[in-house]
Amino acid sequence: MGCVSILTAYVVSARTIGSAALVAAAFASLLSHAQRTLSTQVREIRRRTAEVTGRIVHVDGKTTPLDADVLTIVPERALRILCAAVIALAVALVLARVT
């Protein structure tokens, strides 16, 4: 988990644990949990599933074929968005520090 790394780096630099370090550690822990939650199903399907069959029947009667892509596309998209969000946060923090 990233929370230990963040707290360690903060303590080494500041020689104390401040509220910013605790919030950053909470962020790292929650981000790690979100990533694991999203990637577990995708990894299971990609690595250990031989076949996915079935269909989704919607309330309006429409059906959607069920396959591995249907089950993995949304979590994979969410993981990409999380990655972009973390990069944007990092850039914002650097800009806040240097300006």
C-alpha atoms as a PDB file:
ATOM      1  CA  MET A   1       0.000   0.000   0.000  1.00  0.00           C
ATOM      2  CA  GLY A   2       1.156   3.491  -0.808  1.00  0.00           C
ATOM      3  CA  CYS A   3       0.139   4.938   2.551  1.00  0.00           C
ATOM      4  CA  VAL A   4       3.225   3.516   4.310  1.00  0.00           C
ATOM      5  CA  SER A   5       5.538   4.940   1.644  1.00  0.00           C
ATOM      6  CA  ILE A   6       3.934   8.360   1.905  1.00  0.00           C
ATOM      7  CA  LEU A   7       4.130   8.449   5.699  1.00  0.00           C
ATOM      8  CA  THR A   8       7.745   7.241   5.664  1.00  0.00           C
ATOM      9  CA  ALA A   9       8.826   9.847   3.117  1.00  0.00           C
ATOM     10  CA  TYR A  10       6.998  12.588   4.988  1.00  0.00           C
ATOM     11  CA  VAL A  11       8.531  11.690   8.356  1.00  0.00           C
ATOM     12  CA  VAL A  12      12.023  11.498   6.845  1.00  0.00           C
ATOM     13  CA  SER A  13      11.593  14.931   5.246  1.00  0.00           C
ATOM     14  CA  ALA A  14       9.659  16.776   7.956  1.00  0.00           C
ATOM     15  CA  ARG A  15      10.718  14.782  11.044  1.00  0.00           C
ATOM     16  CA  THR A  16       7.073  14.757  12.165  1.00  0.00           C
ATOM     17  CA  ILE A  17       3.690  13.544  10.996  1.00  0.00           C
ATOM     18  CA  GLY A  18       1.410  16.383   9.986  1.00  0.00           C
ATOM     19  CA  SER A  19      -2.219  16.414   8.939  1.00  0.00           C
ATOM     20  CA  ALA A  20      -1.209  16.747   5.283  1.00  0.00           C
ATOM     21  CA  ALA A  21       0.725  13.471   5.534  1.00  0.00           C
ATOM     22  CA  LEU A  22      -2.247  11.705   7.098  1.00  0.00           C
ATOM     23  CA  VAL A  23      -4.603  12.949   4.376  1.00  0.00           C
ATOM     24  CA  ALA A  24      -2.096  11.978   1.669  1.00  0.00           C
ATOM     25  CA  ALA A  25      -1.760   8.517   3.228  1.00  0.00           C
ATOM     26  CA  ALA A  26      -5.551   8.159   3.299  1.00  0.00           C
ATOM     27  CA  PHE A  27      -5.632   9.155  -0.380  1.00  0.00           C
ATOM     28  CA  ALA A  28      -2.993   6.554  -1.257  1.00  0.00           C
ATOM     29  CA  SER A  29      -4.795   3.854   0.694  1.00  0.00           C
ATOM     30  CA  LEU A  30      -8.181   4.628  -0.884  1.00  0.00           C
ATOM     31  CA  LEU A  31      -6.660   4.839  -4.361  1.00  0.00           C
ATOM     32  CA  SER A  32      -4.976   1.475  -3.864  1.00  0.00           C
ATOM     33  CA  HIS A  33      -8.247  -0.057  -2.663  1.00  0.00           C
ATOM     34  CA  ALA A  34     -10.138   1.342  -5.669  1.00  0.00           C
ATOM     35  CA  GLN A  35      -7.502  -0.006  -8.051  1.00  0.00           C
ATOM     36  CA  ARG A  36      -7.617  -3.477  -6.487  1.00  0.00           C
ATOM     37  CA  THR A  37     -11.425  -3.474  -6.538  1.00  0.00           C
ATOM     38  CA  LEU A  38     -11.536  -2.581 -10.228  1.00  0.00           C
ATOM     39  CA  SER A  39      -8.705  -4.812 -11.382  1.00  0.00           C
ATOM     40  CA  THR A  40      -9.613  -8.038  -9.550  1.00  0.00           C
ATOM     41  CA  GLN A  41     -12.502  -8.992 -11.843  1.00  0.00           C
ATOM     42  CA  VAL A  42     -10.626  -7.966 -14.977  1.00  0.00           C
ATOM     43  CA  ARG A  43      -7.553  -9.975 -13.979  1.00  0.00           C
ATOM     44  CA  GLU A  44      -9.723 -13.012 -13.170  1.00  0.00           C
ATOM     45  CA  ILE A  45     -11.398 -12.860 -16.583  1.00  0.00           C
ATOM     46  CA  ARG A  46      -8.190 -12.204 -18.532  1.00  0.00           C
ATOM     47  CA  ARG A  47      -6.005 -14.820 -16.802  1.00  0.00           C
ATOM     48  CA  ARG A  48      -8.218 -17.584 -15.451  1.00  0.00           C
ATOM     49  CA  THR A  49     -11.413 -17.699 -17.502  1.00  0.00           C
ATOM     50  CA  ALA A  50     -11.704 -20.041 -20.461  1.00  0.00           C
ATOM     51  CA  GLU A  51     -15.085 -18.819 -21.702  1.00  0.00           C
ATOM     52  CA  VAL A  52     -17.778 -16.269 -20.938  1.00  0.00           C
ATOM     53  CA  THR A  53     -21.253 -16.909 -22.325  1.00  0.00           C
ATOM     54  CA  GLY A  54     -24.704 -15.507 -21.826  1.00  0.00           C
ATOM     55  CA  ARG A  55     -26.710 -12.377 -22.383  1.00  0.00           C
ATOM     56  CA  ILE A  56     -28.044  -9.396 -20.512  1.00  0.00           C
ATOM     57  CA  VAL A  57     -31.789  -8.894 -20.860  1.00  0.00           C
ATOM     58  CA  HIS A  58     -32.819  -5.287 -20.281  1.00  0.00           C
ATOM     59  CA  VAL A  59     -36.227  -4.235 -18.941  1.00  0.00           C
ATOM     60  CA  ASP A  60     -37.208  -2.962 -22.390  1.00  0.00           C
ATOM     61  CA  GLY A  61     -36.576  -6.426 -23.856  1.00  0.00           C
ATOM     62  CA  LYS A  62     -33.319  -5.522 -25.564  1.00  0.00           C
ATOM     63  CA  THR A  63     -30.542  -8.083 -25.151  1.00  0.00           C
ATOM     64  CA  THR A  64     -26.792  -7.610 -25.042  1.00  0.00           C
ATOM     65  CA  PRO A  65     -24.502 -10.580 -25.666  1.00  0.00           C
ATOM     66  CA  LEU A  66     -22.319 -11.252 -22.629  1.00  0.00           C
ATOM     67  CA  ASP A  67     -18.630 -11.814 -23.277  1.00  0.00           C
ATOM     68  CA  ALA A  68     -15.301 -11.011 -21.651  1.00  0.00           C
ATOM     69  CA  ASP A  69     -15.171  -7.537 -23.226  1.00  0.00           C
ATOM     70  CA  VAL A  70     -18.589  -6.587 -21.826  1.00  0.00           C
ATOM     71  CA  LEU A  71     -17.431  -7.571 -18.339  1.00  0.00           C
ATOM     72  CA  THR A  72     -14.069  -5.804 -18.492  1.00  0.00           C
ATOM     73  CA  ILE A  73     -14.521  -2.625 -20.536  1.00  0.00           C
ATOM     74  CA  VAL A  74     -15.998  -0.467 -17.756  1.00  0.00           C
ATOM     75  CA  PRO A  75     -13.489  -1.373 -15.022  1.00  0.00           C
ATOM     76  CA  GLU A  76     -10.608  -0.953 -17.483  1.00  0.00           C
ATOM     77  CA  ARG A  77     -11.906   2.485 -18.483  1.00  0.00           C
ATOM     78  CA  ALA A  78     -12.254   3.444 -14.809  1.00  0.00           C
ATOM     79  CA  LEU A  79      -8.638   2.365 -14.146  1.00  0.00           C
ATOM     80  CA  ARG A  80      -7.428   4.571 -17.016  1.00  0.00           C
ATOM     81  CA  ILE A  81      -9.426   7.503 -15.653  1.00  0.00           C
ATOM     82  CA  LEU A  82      -7.968   6.963 -12.162  1.00  0.00           C
ATOM     83  CA  CYS A  83      -4.488   7.006 -13.664  1.00  0.00           C
ATOM     84  CA  ALA A  84      -5.167  10.290 -15.457  1.00  0.00           C
ATOM     85  CA  ALA A  85      -6.682  11.774 -12.292  1.00  0.00           C
ATOM     86  CA  VAL A  86      -3.593  10.915 -10.236  1.00  0.00           C
ATOM     87  CA  ILE A  87      -1.327  12.461 -12.858  1.00  0.00           C
ATOM     88  CA  ALA A  88      -3.460  15.622 -12.874  1.00  0.00           C
ATOM     89  CA  LEU A  89      -3.315  15.769  -9.066  1.00  0.00           C
ATOM     90  CA  ALA A  90       0.465  15.350  -9.109  1.00  0.00           C
ATOM     91  CA  VAL A  91       0.882  18.154 -11.644  1.00  0.00           C
ATOM     92  CA  ALA A  92      -1.428  20.395  -9.607  1.00  0.00           C
ATOM     93  CA  LEU A  93       0.570  19.743  -6.434  1.00  0.00           C
ATOM     94  CA  VAL A  94       3.859  20.511  -8.191  1.00  0.00           C
ATOM     95  CA  LEU A  95       2.431  23.712  -9.673  1.00  0.00           C
ATOM     96  CA  ALA A  96       1.091  24.754  -6.267  1.00  0.00           C
ATOM     97  CA  ARG A  97       4.519  24.202  -4.777  1.00  0.00           C
ATOM     98  CA  VAL A  98       6.577  26.037  -7.420  1.00  0.00           C
ATOM     99  CA  THR A  99       4.309  28.993  -8.118  1.00  0.00           C
END
